[in-house]
PDB file of N, CA and C in Angstrom:
ATOM      1  N   UNK A   1     -76.044  16.029 -27.429  1.00  0.00           N
ATOM      2  CA  UNK A   1     -77.113  16.208 -26.454  1.00  0.00           C
ATOM      3  C   UNK A   1     -76.498  16.560 -25.102  1.00  0.00           C
ATOM      4  N   UNK A   2     -77.149  17.501 -24.416  1.00  0.00           N
ATOM      5  CA  UNK A   2     -76.699  17.889 -23.082  1.00  0.00           C
ATOM      6  C   UNK A   2     -76.843  16.713 -22.129  1.00  0.00           C
ATOM      7  N   UNK A   3     -75.960  16.645 -21.165  1.00  0.00           N
ATOM      8  CA  UNK A   3     -76.018  15.537 -20.201  1.00  0.00           C
ATOM      9  C   UNK A   3     -76.509  16.008 -18.831  1.00  0.00           C
ATOM     10  N   UNK A   4     -77.336  17.026 -18.853  1.00  0.00           N
ATOM     11  CA  UNK A   4     -77.878  17.545 -17.598  1.00  0.00           C
ATOM     12  C   UNK A   4     -79.401  17.595 -17.689  1.00  0.00           C
ATOM     13  N   UNK A   5     -80.041  17.257 -16.600  1.00  0.00           N
ATOM     14  CA  UNK A   5     -81.488  17.353 -16.480  1.00  0.00           C
ATOM     15  C   UNK A   5     -81.815  18.335 -15.362  1.00  0.00           C
ATOM     16  N   UNK A   6     -82.744  19.220 -15.609  1.00  0.00           N
ATOM     17  CA  UNK A   6     -83.226  20.118 -14.578  1.00  0.00           C
ATOM     18  C   UNK A   6     -84.448  19.484 -13.932  1.00  0.00           C
ATOM     19  N   UNK A   7     -84.494  19.495 -12.619  1.00  0.00           N
ATOM     20  CA  UNK A   7     -85.671  19.089 -11.863  1.00  0.00           C
ATOM     21  C   UNK A   7     -86.091  20.314 -11.061  1.00  0.00           C
ATOM     22  N   UNK A   8     -87.219  20.885 -11.453  1.00  0.00           N
ATOM     23  CA  UNK A   8     -87.672  22.146 -10.876  1.00  0.00           C
ATOM     24  C   UNK A   8     -88.899  21.919 -10.005  1.00  0.00           C
ATOM     25  N   UNK A   9     -88.888  22.548  -8.860  1.00  0.00           N
ATOM     26  CA  UNK A   9     -89.948  22.379  -7.867  1.00  0.00           C
ATOM     27  C   UNK A   9     -90.480  23.740  -7.461  1.00  0.00           C
ATOM     28  N   UNK A  10     -91.804  23.845  -7.433  1.00  0.00           N
ATOM     29  CA  UNK A  10     -92.453  25.107  -7.162  1.00  0.00           C
ATOM     30  C   UNK A  10     -92.801  25.344  -5.710  1.00  0.00           C
ATOM     31  N   UNK A  11     -93.770  26.242  -5.494  1.00  0.00           N
ATOM     32  CA  UNK A  11     -94.067  26.729  -4.156  1.00  0.00           C
ATOM     33  C   UNK A  11     -94.555  25.648  -3.201  1.00  0.00           C
ATOM     34  N   UNK A  12     -94.097  25.784  -1.992  1.00  0.00           N
ATOM     35  CA  UNK A  12     -94.463  24.950  -0.844  1.00  0.00           C
ATOM     36  C   UNK A  12     -93.866  23.551  -0.868  1.00  0.00           C
ATOM     37  N   UNK A  13     -93.169  23.201  -1.924  1.00  0.00           N
ATOM     38  CA  UNK A  13     -92.571  21.860  -1.960  1.00  0.00           C
ATOM     39  C   UNK A  13     -91.385  21.761  -0.998  1.00  0.00           C
ATOM     40  N   UNK A  14     -90.851  22.893  -0.565  1.00  0.00           N
ATOM     41  CA  UNK A  14     -89.818  22.887   0.468  1.00  0.00           C
ATOM     42  C   UNK A  14     -90.381  22.411   1.809  1.00  0.00           C
ATOM     43  N   UNK A  15     -91.709  22.346   1.935  1.00  0.00           N
ATOM     44  CA  UNK A  15     -92.349  21.903   3.181  1.00  0.00           C
ATOM     45  C   UNK A  15     -92.741  20.425   3.148  1.00  0.00           C
ATOM     46  N   UNK A  16     -92.321  19.714   2.112  1.00  0.00           N
ATOM     47  CA  UNK A  16     -92.650  18.285   2.050  1.00  0.00           C
ATOM     48  C   UNK A  16     -92.114  17.567   3.280  1.00  0.00           C
ATOM     49  N   UNK A  17     -92.872  16.574   3.719  1.00  0.00           N
ATOM     50  CA  UNK A  17     -92.523  15.840   4.927  1.00  0.00           C
ATOM     51  C   UNK A  17     -93.226  16.402   6.148  1.00  0.00           C
ATOM     52  N   UNK A  18     -93.577  17.690   6.091  1.00  0.00           N
ATOM     53  CA  UNK A  18     -94.321  18.346   7.170  1.00  0.00           C
ATOM     54  C   UNK A  18     -95.727  18.718   6.708  1.00  0.00           C
ATOM     55  N   UNK A  19     -95.861  19.068   5.463  1.00  0.00           N
ATOM     56  CA  UNK A  19     -97.110  19.605   4.921  1.00  0.00           C
ATOM     57  C   UNK A  19     -98.030  18.492   4.435  1.00  0.00           C
ATOM     58  N   UNK A  20     -99.168  18.339   5.038  1.00  0.00           N
ATOM     59  CA  UNK A  20    -100.208  17.400   4.615  1.00  0.00           C
ATOM     60  C   UNK A  20     -99.655  16.044   4.159  1.00  0.00           C
ATOM     61  N   UNK A  21     -98.992  15.322   5.061  1.00  0.00           N
ATOM     62  CA  UNK A  21     -98.395  14.041   4.667  1.00  0.00           C
ATOM     63  C   UNK A  21     -99.416  13.028   4.158  1.00  0.00           C
ATOM     64  N   UNK A  22    -100.686  13.173   4.541  1.00  0.00           N
ATOM     65  CA  UNK A  22    -101.717  12.281   4.022  1.00  0.00           C
ATOM     66  C   UNK A  22    -101.933  12.447   2.532  1.00  0.00           C
ATOM     67  N   UNK A  23    -101.586  13.612   2.007  1.00  0.00           N
ATOM     68  CA  UNK A  23    -101.696  13.873   0.564  1.00  0.00           C
ATOM     69  C   UNK A  23    -100.348  13.701  -0.118  1.00  0.00           C
ATOM     70  N   UNK A  24     -99.298  14.258   0.475  1.00  0.00           N
ATOM     71  CA  UNK A  24     -98.003  14.343  -0.199  1.00  0.00           C
ATOM     72  C   UNK A  24     -96.971  13.321   0.275  1.00  0.00           C
ATOM     73  N   UNK A  25     -97.297  12.526   1.278  1.00  0.00           N
ATOM     74  CA  UNK A  25     -96.352  11.541   1.779  1.00  0.00           C
ATOM     75  C   UNK A  25     -95.396  12.131   2.797  1.00  0.00           C
ATOM     76  N   UNK A  26     -94.528  11.286   3.291  1.00  0.00           N
ATOM     77  CA  UNK A  26     -93.617  11.679   4.353  1.00  0.00           C
ATOM     78  C   UNK A  26     -92.225  12.040   3.904  1.00  0.00           C
ATOM     79  N   UNK A  27     -91.933  11.871   2.602  1.00  0.00           N
ATOM     80  CA  UNK A  27     -90.590  12.202   2.131  1.00  0.00           C
ATOM     81  C   UNK A  27     -90.393  13.711   2.096  1.00  0.00           C
ATOM     82  N   UNK A  28     -89.181  14.126   2.389  1.00  0.00           N
ATOM     83  CA  UNK A  28     -88.829  15.537   2.285  1.00  0.00           C
ATOM     84  C   UNK A  28     -88.349  15.825   0.865  1.00  0.00           C
ATOM     85  N   UNK A  29     -88.228  17.089   0.546  1.00  0.00           N
ATOM     86  CA  UNK A  29     -87.692  17.461  -0.757  1.00  0.00           C
ATOM     87  C   UNK A  29     -86.250  16.966  -0.899  1.00  0.00           C
ATOM     88  N   UNK A  30     -85.493  16.971   0.182  1.00  0.00           N
ATOM     89  CA  UNK A  30     -84.120  16.444   0.149  1.00  0.00           C
ATOM     90  C   UNK A  30     -84.115  14.952  -0.178  1.00  0.00           C
ATOM     91  N   UNK A  31     -85.084  14.206   0.341  1.00  0.00           N
ATOM     92  CA  UNK A  31     -85.198  12.779   0.010  1.00  0.00           C
ATOM     93  C   UNK A  31     -85.447  12.592  -1.488  1.00  0.00           C
ATOM     94  N   UNK A  32     -86.352  13.396  -2.026  1.00  0.00           N
ATOM     95  CA  UNK A  32     -86.677  13.302  -3.451  1.00  0.00           C
ATOM     96  C   UNK A  32     -85.479  13.714  -4.296  1.00  0.00           C
ATOM     97  N   UNK A  33     -84.771  14.735  -3.856  1.00  0.00           N
ATOM     98  CA  UNK A  33     -83.566  15.158  -4.571  1.00  0.00           C
ATOM     99  C   UNK A  33     -82.550  14.022  -4.635  1.00  0.00           C
ATOM    100  N   UNK A  34     -82.319  13.344  -3.520  1.00  0.00           N
ATOM    101  CA  UNK A  34     -81.357  12.230  -3.498  1.00  0.00           C
ATOM    102  C   UNK A  34     -81.777  11.131  -4.474  1.00  0.00           C
ATOM    103  N   UNK A  35     -83.068  10.815  -4.519  1.00  0.00           N
ATOM    104  CA  UNK A  35     -83.564   9.804  -5.460  1.00  0.00           C
ATOM    105  C   UNK A  35     -83.356  10.238  -6.909  1.00  0.00           C
ATOM    106  N   UNK A  36     -83.640  11.499  -7.202  1.00  0.00           N
ATOM    107  CA  UNK A  36     -83.468  12.010  -8.560  1.00  0.00           C
ATOM    108  C   UNK A  36     -81.996  11.988  -8.981  1.00  0.00           C
ATOM    109  N   UNK A  37     -81.120  12.403  -8.082  1.00  0.00           N
ATOM    110  CA  UNK A  37     -79.689  12.403  -8.404  1.00  0.00           C
ATOM    111  C   UNK A  37     -79.178  10.983  -8.637  1.00  0.00           C
ATOM    112  N   UNK A  38     -79.607  10.043  -7.811  1.00  0.00           N
ATOM    113  CA  UNK A  38     -79.164   8.655  -7.967  1.00  0.00           C
ATOM    114  C   UNK A  38     -79.661   8.075  -9.288  1.00  0.00           C
ATOM    115  N   UNK A  39     -80.921   8.322  -9.620  1.00  0.00           N
ATOM    116  CA  UNK A  39     -81.464   7.798 -10.874  1.00  0.00           C
ATOM    117  C   UNK A  39     -80.802   8.467 -12.074  1.00  0.00           C
ATOM    118  N   UNK A  40     -80.587   9.776 -11.977  1.00  0.00           N
ATOM    119  CA  UNK A  40     -79.891  10.485 -13.049  1.00  0.00           C
ATOM    120  C   UNK A  40     -78.501   9.929 -13.290  1.00  0.00           C
ATOM    121  N   UNK A  41     -77.788   9.665 -12.207  1.00  0.00           N
ATOM    122  CA  UNK A  41     -76.438   9.106 -12.320  1.00  0.00           C
ATOM    123  C   UNK A  41     -76.465   7.751 -13.027  1.00  0.00           C
ATOM    124  N   UNK A  42     -77.430   6.908 -12.667  1.00  0.00           N
ATOM    125  CA  UNK A  42     -77.565   5.596 -13.323  1.00  0.00           C
ATOM    126  C   UNK A  42     -77.754   5.749 -14.832  1.00  0.00           C
ATOM    127  N   UNK A  43     -78.430   6.811 -15.228  1.00  0.00           N
ATOM    128  CA  UNK A  43     -78.739   7.032 -16.637  1.00  0.00           C
ATOM    129  C   UNK A  43     -77.707   7.904 -17.347  1.00  0.00           C
ATOM    130  N   UNK A  44     -76.681   8.326 -16.616  1.00  0.00           N
ATOM    131  CA  UNK A  44     -75.618   9.120 -17.217  1.00  0.00           C
ATOM    132  C   UNK A  44     -75.898  10.613 -17.278  1.00  0.00           C
ATOM    133  N   UNK A  45     -76.794  11.095 -16.429  1.00  0.00           N
ATOM    134  CA  UNK A  45     -77.138  12.511 -16.401  1.00  0.00           C
ATOM    135  C   UNK A  45     -76.771  13.131 -15.063  1.00  0.00           C
ATOM    136  N   UNK A  46     -76.308  14.363 -15.132  1.00  0.00           N
ATOM    137  CA  UNK A  46     -76.206  15.186 -13.935  1.00  0.00           C
ATOM    138  C   UNK A  46     -77.591  15.790 -13.710  1.00  0.00           C
ATOM    139  N   UNK A  47     -77.962  15.974 -12.470  1.00  0.00           N
ATOM    140  CA  UNK A  47     -79.268  16.544 -12.145  1.00  0.00           C
ATOM    141  C   UNK A  47     -79.064  17.891 -11.463  1.00  0.00           C
ATOM    142  N   UNK A  48     -79.670  18.903 -12.039  1.00  0.00           N
ATOM    143  CA  UNK A  48     -79.686  20.237 -11.449  1.00  0.00           C
ATOM    144  C   UNK A  48     -81.049  20.376 -10.786  1.00  0.00           C
ATOM    145  N   UNK A  49     -81.101  20.258  -9.471  1.00  0.00           N
ATOM    146  CA  UNK A  49     -82.334  20.182  -8.691  1.00  0.00           C
ATOM    147  C   UNK A  49     -82.552  21.506  -7.988  1.00  0.00           C
ATOM    148  N   UNK A  50     -83.706  22.129  -8.226  1.00  0.00           N
ATOM    149  CA  UNK A  50     -83.960  23.456  -7.668  1.00  0.00           C
ATOM    150  C   UNK A  50     -85.399  23.557  -7.163  1.00  0.00           C
ATOM    151  N   UNK A  51     -85.596  24.458  -6.195  1.00  0.00           N
ATOM    152  CA  UNK A  51     -86.936  24.749  -5.663  1.00  0.00           C
ATOM    153  C   UNK A  51     -87.045  26.241  -5.417  1.00  0.00           C
ATOM    154  N   UNK A  52     -88.209  26.790  -5.743  1.00  0.00           N
ATOM    155  CA  UNK A  52     -88.485  28.181  -5.414  1.00  0.00           C
ATOM    156  C   UNK A  52     -89.969  28.367  -5.149  1.00  0.00           C
ATOM    157  N   UNK A  53     -90.261  29.290  -4.275  1.00  0.00           N
ATOM    158  CA  UNK A  53     -91.640  29.693  -4.024  1.00  0.00           C
ATOM    159  C   UNK A  53     -92.043  30.859  -4.924  1.00  0.00           C
ATOM    160  N   UNK A  54     -91.169  31.242  -5.861  1.00  0.00           N
ATOM    161  CA  UNK A  54     -91.378  32.418  -6.693  1.00  0.00           C
ATOM    162  C   UNK A  54     -91.499  32.033  -8.170  1.00  0.00           C
ATOM    163  N   UNK A  55     -92.598  32.423  -8.763  1.00  0.00           N
ATOM    164  CA  UNK A  55     -92.906  32.062 -10.146  1.00  0.00           C
ATOM    165  C   UNK A  55     -91.812  32.503 -11.116  1.00  0.00           C
ATOM    166  N   UNK A  56     -91.313  33.716 -10.951  1.00  0.00           N
ATOM    167  CA  UNK A  56     -90.292  34.234 -11.865  1.00  0.00           C
ATOM    168  C   UNK A  56     -89.021  33.405 -11.864  1.00  0.00           C
ATOM    169  N   UNK A  57     -88.645  32.863 -10.706  1.00  0.00           N
ATOM    170  CA  UNK A  57     -87.471  31.981 -10.656  1.00  0.00           C
ATOM    171  C   UNK A  57     -87.679  30.771 -11.564  1.00  0.00           C
ATOM    172  N   UNK A  58     -88.861  30.180 -11.484  1.00  0.00           N
ATOM    173  CA  UNK A  58     -89.157  29.005 -12.304  1.00  0.00           C
ATOM    174  C   UNK A  58     -89.113  29.348 -13.789  1.00  0.00           C
ATOM    175  N   UNK A  59     -89.659  30.495 -14.155  1.00  0.00           N
ATOM    176  CA  UNK A  59     -89.610  30.946 -15.546  1.00  0.00           C
ATOM    177  C   UNK A  59     -88.158  31.102 -15.994  1.00  0.00           C
ATOM    178  N   UNK A  60     -87.347  31.776 -15.182  1.00  0.00           N
ATOM    179  CA  UNK A  60     -85.932  31.972 -15.526  1.00  0.00           C
ATOM    180  C   UNK A  60     -85.215  30.640 -15.683  1.00  0.00           C
ATOM    181  N   UNK A  61     -85.493  29.699 -14.794  1.00  0.00           N
ATOM    182  CA  UNK A  61     -84.821  28.395 -14.853  1.00  0.00           C
ATOM    183  C   UNK A  61     -85.240  27.603 -16.081  1.00  0.00           C
ATOM    184  N   UNK A  62     -86.481  27.708 -16.502  1.00  0.00           N
ATOM    185  CA  UNK A  62     -86.912  27.038 -17.732  1.00  0.00           C
ATOM    186  C   UNK A  62     -86.158  27.624 -18.923  1.00  0.00           C
ATOM    187  N   UNK A  63     -86.033  28.942 -18.966  1.00  0.00           N
ATOM    188  CA  UNK A  63     -85.262  29.577 -20.044  1.00  0.00           C
ATOM    189  C   UNK A  63     -83.813  29.108 -20.016  1.00  0.00           C
ATOM    190  N   UNK A  64     -83.224  29.065 -18.840  1.00  0.00           N
ATOM    191  CA  UNK A  64     -81.840  28.587 -18.698  1.00  0.00           C
ATOM    192  C   UNK A  64     -81.720  27.149 -19.185  1.00  0.00           C
ATOM    193  N   UNK A  65     -82.652  26.308 -18.779  1.00  0.00           N
ATOM    194  CA  UNK A  65     -82.624  24.905 -19.189  1.00  0.00           C
ATOM    195  C   UNK A  65     -82.721  24.781 -20.699  1.00  0.00           C
ATOM    196  N   UNK A  66     -83.479  25.674 -21.323  1.00  0.00           N
ATOM    197  CA  UNK A  66     -83.614  25.644 -22.776  1.00  0.00           C
ATOM    198  C   UNK A  66     -82.290  25.796 -23.491  1.00  0.00           C
ATOM    199  N   UNK A  67     -81.318  26.406 -22.827  1.00  0.00           N
ATOM    200  CA  UNK A  67     -79.995  26.604 -23.422  1.00  0.00           C
ATOM    201  C   UNK A  67     -79.009  25.491 -23.102  1.00  0.00           C
ATOM    202  N   UNK A  68     -79.234  24.748 -22.006  1.00  0.00           N
ATOM    203  CA  UNK A  68     -78.177  23.822 -21.562  1.00  0.00           C
ATOM    204  C   UNK A  68     -78.634  22.399 -21.235  1.00  0.00           C
ATOM    205  N   UNK A  69     -79.921  22.162 -21.074  1.00  0.00           N
ATOM    206  CA  UNK A  69     -80.371  20.879 -20.528  1.00  0.00           C
ATOM    207  C   UNK A  69     -80.932  19.949 -21.603  1.00  0.00           C
ATOM    208  N   UNK A  70     -80.833  18.668 -21.329  1.00  0.00           N
ATOM    209  CA  UNK A  70     -81.442  17.658 -22.192  1.00  0.00           C
ATOM    210  C   UNK A  70     -82.939  17.575 -21.944  1.00  0.00           C
ATOM    211  N   UNK A  71     -83.365  17.980 -20.752  1.00  0.00           N
ATOM    212  CA  UNK A  71     -84.778  17.938 -20.425  1.00  0.00           C
ATOM    213  C   UNK A  71     -85.047  18.573 -19.084  1.00  0.00           C
ATOM    214  N   UNK A  72     -86.338  18.806 -18.833  1.00  0.00           N
ATOM    215  CA  UNK A  72     -86.789  19.404 -17.582  1.00  0.00           C
ATOM    216  C   UNK A  72     -87.937  18.571 -17.038  1.00  0.00           C
ATOM    217  N   UNK A  73     -87.872  18.262 -15.754  1.00  0.00           N
ATOM    218  CA  UNK A  73     -89.010  17.708 -15.021  1.00  0.00           C
ATOM    219  C   UNK A  73     -89.435  18.797 -14.053  1.00  0.00           C
ATOM    220  N   UNK A  74     -90.717  19.152 -14.080  1.00  0.00           N
ATOM    221  CA  UNK A  74     -91.181  20.240 -13.221  1.00  0.00           C
ATOM    222  C   UNK A  74     -92.434  19.838 -12.458  1.00  0.00           C
ATOM    223  N   UNK A  75     -92.362  20.080 -11.156  1.00  0.00           N
ATOM    224  CA  UNK A  75     -93.549  20.053 -10.310  1.00  0.00           C
ATOM    225  C   UNK A  75     -93.747  21.504  -9.908  1.00  0.00           C
ATOM    226  N   UNK A  76     -94.632  22.175 -10.612  1.00  0.00           N
ATOM    227  CA  UNK A  76     -94.814  23.611 -10.404  1.00  0.00           C
ATOM    228  C   UNK A  76     -95.725  23.928  -9.227  1.00  0.00           C
ATOM    229  N   UNK A  77     -96.115  22.902  -8.469  1.00  0.00           N
ATOM    230  CA  UNK A  77     -96.993  23.143  -7.330  1.00  0.00           C
ATOM    231  C   UNK A  77     -98.264  23.832  -7.788  1.00  0.00           C
ATOM    232  N   UNK A  78     -98.748  24.763  -6.996  1.00  0.00           N
ATOM    233  CA  UNK A  78     -99.990  25.464  -7.316  1.00  0.00           C
ATOM    234  C   UNK A  78     -99.902  26.244  -8.629  1.00  0.00           C
ATOM    235  N   UNK A  79     -98.696  26.619  -9.049  1.00  0.00           N
ATOM    236  CA  UNK A  79     -98.563  27.327 -10.326  1.00  0.00           C
ATOM    237  C   UNK A  79     -99.001  26.463 -11.504  1.00  0.00           C
ATOM    238  N   UNK A  80     -99.023  25.150 -11.320  1.00  0.00           N
ATOM    239  CA  UNK A  80     -99.506  24.257 -12.367  1.00  0.00           C
ATOM    240  C   UNK A  80    -100.892  24.688 -12.834  1.00  0.00           C
ATOM    241  N   UNK A  81    -101.715  25.141 -11.904  1.00  0.00           N
ATOM    242  CA  UNK A  81    -103.116  25.424 -12.176  1.00  0.00           C
ATOM    243  C   UNK A  81    -103.377  26.871 -12.566  1.00  0.00           C
ATOM    244  N   UNK A  82    -102.380  27.739 -12.399  1.00  0.00           N
ATOM    245  CA  UNK A  82    -102.664  29.169 -12.537  1.00  0.00           C
ATOM    246  C   UNK A  82    -101.692  29.943 -13.419  1.00  0.00           C
ATOM    247  N   UNK A  83    -100.539  29.389 -13.749  1.00  0.00           N
ATOM    248  CA  UNK A  83     -99.481  30.213 -14.322  1.00  0.00           C
ATOM    249  C   UNK A  83     -99.439  30.188 -15.850  1.00  0.00           C
ATOM    250  N   UNK A  84     -99.889  31.279 -16.421  1.00  0.00           N
ATOM    251  CA  UNK A  84     -99.727  31.466 -17.862  1.00  0.00           C
ATOM    252  C   UNK A  84     -98.252  31.717 -18.175  1.00  0.00           C
ATOM    253  N   UNK A  85     -97.546  32.364 -17.255  1.00  0.00           N
ATOM    254  CA  UNK A  85     -96.126  32.651 -17.458  1.00  0.00           C
ATOM    255  C   UNK A  85     -95.312  31.362 -17.604  1.00  0.00           C
ATOM    256  N   UNK A  86     -95.582  30.364 -16.770  1.00  0.00           N
ATOM    257  CA  UNK A  86     -94.874  29.084 -16.907  1.00  0.00           C
ATOM    258  C   UNK A  86     -95.259  28.389 -18.209  1.00  0.00           C
ATOM    259  N   UNK A  87     -96.527  28.422 -18.543  1.00  0.00           N
ATOM    260  CA  UNK A  87     -96.993  27.844 -19.808  1.00  0.00           C
ATOM    261  C   UNK A  87     -96.221  28.459 -20.977  1.00  0.00           C
ATOM    262  N   UNK A  88     -96.134  29.784 -20.991  1.00  0.00           N
ATOM    263  CA  UNK A  88     -95.440  30.472 -22.077  1.00  0.00           C
ATOM    264  C   UNK A  88     -93.946  30.151 -22.088  1.00  0.00           C
ATOM    265  N   UNK A  89     -93.333  30.070 -20.904  1.00  0.00           N
ATOM    266  CA  UNK A  89     -91.898  29.751 -20.830  1.00  0.00           C
ATOM    267  C   UNK A  89     -91.625  28.361 -21.395  1.00  0.00           C
ATOM    268  N   UNK A  90     -92.476  27.412 -21.057  1.00  0.00           N
ATOM    269  CA  UNK A  90     -92.299  26.043 -21.558  1.00  0.00           C
ATOM    270  C   UNK A  90     -92.431  26.025 -23.075  1.00  0.00           C
ATOM    271  N   UNK A  91     -93.386  26.766 -23.597  1.00  0.00           N
ATOM    272  CA  UNK A  91     -93.578  26.822 -25.053  1.00  0.00           C
ATOM    273  C   UNK A  91     -92.421  27.529 -25.760  1.00  0.00           C
ATOM    274  N   UNK A  92     -91.677  28.352 -25.020  1.00  0.00           N
ATOM    275  CA  UNK A  92     -90.602  29.144 -25.618  1.00  0.00           C
ATOM    276  C   UNK A  92     -89.301  28.362 -25.789  1.00  0.00           C
ATOM    277  N   UNK A  93     -89.186  27.198 -25.165  1.00  0.00           N
ATOM    278  CA  UNK A  93     -87.938  26.425 -25.259  1.00  0.00           C
ATOM    279  C   UNK A  93     -88.176  25.149 -26.056  1.00  0.00           C
ATOM    280  N   UNK A  94     -87.132  24.684 -26.684  1.00  0.00           N
ATOM    281  CA  UNK A  94     -87.220  23.436 -27.446  1.00  0.00           C
ATOM    282  C   UNK A  94     -86.916  22.212 -26.582  1.00  0.00           C
ATOM    283  N   UNK A  95     -86.358  22.446 -25.412  1.00  0.00           N
ATOM    284  CA  UNK A  95     -86.031  21.370 -24.479  1.00  0.00           C
ATOM    285  C   UNK A  95     -87.314  20.678 -24.025  1.00  0.00           C
ATOM    286  N   UNK A  96     -87.349  19.345 -24.042  1.00  0.00           N
ATOM    287  CA  UNK A  96     -88.548  18.653 -23.552  1.00  0.00           C
ATOM    288  C   UNK A  96     -88.805  18.953 -22.075  1.00  0.00           C
ATOM    289  N   UNK A  97     -90.068  19.193 -21.743  1.00  0.00           N
ATOM    290  CA  UNK A  97     -90.481  19.486 -20.376  1.00  0.00           C
ATOM    291  C   UNK A  97     -91.596  18.516 -20.004  1.00  0.00           C
ATOM    292  N   UNK A  98     -91.428  17.863 -18.849  1.00  0.00           N
ATOM    293  CA  UNK A  98     -92.425  16.932 -18.334  1.00  0.00           C
ATOM    294  C   UNK A  98     -92.955  17.480 -17.022  1.00  0.00           C
ATOM    295  N   UNK A  99     -94.278  17.540 -16.904  1.00  0.00           N
ATOM    296  CA  UNK A  99     -94.927  18.007 -15.676  1.00  0.00           C
ATOM    297  C   UNK A  99     -95.181  16.820 -14.761  1.00  0.00           C
ATOM    298  N   UNK A 100     -94.821  16.979 -13.499  1.00  0.00           N
ATOM    299  CA  UNK A 100     -94.974  15.926 -12.502  1.00  0.00           C
ATOM    300  C   UNK A 100     -95.825  16.411 -11.339  1.00  0.00           C
ATOM    301  N   UNK A 101     -96.463  15.470 -10.645  1.00  0.00           N
ATOM    302  CA  UNK A 101     -97.245  15.786  -9.450  1.00  0.00           C
ATOM    303  C   UNK A 101     -97.019  14.710  -8.409  1.00  0.00           C
ATOM    304  N   UNK A 102     -97.152  15.071  -7.143  1.00  0.00           N
ATOM    305  CA  UNK A 102     -97.037  14.105  -6.056  1.00  0.00           C
ATOM    306  C   UNK A 102     -98.384  13.521  -5.668  1.00  0.00           C
ATOM    307  N   UNK A 103     -99.456  14.166  -6.093  1.00  0.00           N
ATOM    308  CA  UNK A 103    -100.796  13.667  -5.802  1.00  0.00           C
ATOM    309  C   UNK A 103    -101.570  13.565  -7.110  1.00  0.00           C
ATOM    310  N   UNK A 104    -102.676  12.886  -7.070  1.00  0.00           N
ATOM    311  CA  UNK A 104    -103.545  12.772  -8.237  1.00  0.00           C
ATOM    312  C   UNK A 104    -104.417  14.020  -8.298  1.00  0.00           C
ATOM    313  N   UNK A 105    -104.044  14.966  -9.150  1.00  0.00           N
ATOM    314  CA  UNK A 105    -104.759  16.235  -9.205  1.00  0.00           C
ATOM    315  C   UNK A 105    -106.213  16.053  -9.650  1.00  0.00           C
ATOM    316  N   UNK A 106    -106.502  14.992 -10.366  1.00  0.00           N
ATOM    317  CA  UNK A 106    -107.872  14.749 -10.845  1.00  0.00           C
ATOM    318  C   UNK A 106    -108.774  14.173  -9.756  1.00  0.00           C
ATOM    319  N   UNK A 107    -108.178  13.720  -8.669  1.00  0.00           N
ATOM    320  CA  UNK A 107    -108.959  13.203  -7.542  1.00  0.00           C
ATOM    321  C   UNK A 107    -109.092  14.241  -6.427  1.00  0.00           C
ATOM    322  N   UNK A 108    -108.622  15.440  -6.710  1.00  0.00           N
ATOM    323  CA  UNK A 108    -108.653  16.504  -5.695  1.00  0.00           C
ATOM    324  C   UNK A 108    -109.655  17.588  -6.070  1.00  0.00           C
ATOM    325  N   UNK A 109    -109.515  18.762  -5.516  1.00  0.00           N
ATOM    326  CA  UNK A 109    -110.431  19.861  -5.750  1.00  0.00           C
ATOM    327  C   UNK A 109    -110.534  20.166  -7.259  1.00  0.00           C
ATOM    328  N   UNK A 110    -111.718  20.638  -7.676  1.00  0.00           N
ATOM    329  CA  UNK A 110    -111.951  20.908  -9.086  1.00  0.00           C
ATOM    330  C   UNK A 110    -110.921  21.872  -9.690  1.00  0.00           C
ATOM    331  N   UNK A 111    -110.506  22.879  -8.929  1.00  0.00           N
ATOM    332  CA  UNK A 111    -109.575  23.857  -9.496  1.00  0.00           C
ATOM    333  C   UNK A 111    -108.215  23.256  -9.838  1.00  0.00           C
ATOM    334  N   UNK A 112    -107.907  22.067  -9.313  1.00  0.00           N
ATOM    335  CA  UNK A 112    -106.630  21.416  -9.611  1.00  0.00           C
ATOM    336  C   UNK A 112    -106.697  20.578 -10.893  1.00  0.00           C
ATOM    337  N   UNK A 113    -107.863  20.376 -11.441  1.00  0.00           N
ATOM    338  CA  UNK A 113    -107.991  19.560 -12.641  1.00  0.00           C
ATOM    339  C   UNK A 113    -107.400  20.281 -13.823  1.00  0.00           C
TER     340      UNK A 113
END
């Protein structure tokens, strides 16, 4: 089994800490990265932590993870609600992929459900 985990972050997550802190909290993406790396280390995994505002980057990284990673955690941001390309990329790899969110999408606007 691969000893690396990919943590992928989608659009606008680079603005965490500044963007709508009432919804997303005050932590920055760098803060979250440090937490992920520390937890990964405790569990014996290296963490490959990435962020992009571009859908194609996320698709490419999922494909890459399918070849080398034990798993993927992804917060695809707004692409969670709209991206057939990400859906297809996740289905194309055998690597387990877990979708994460910083807010309760079911308590927000209908289009986020």
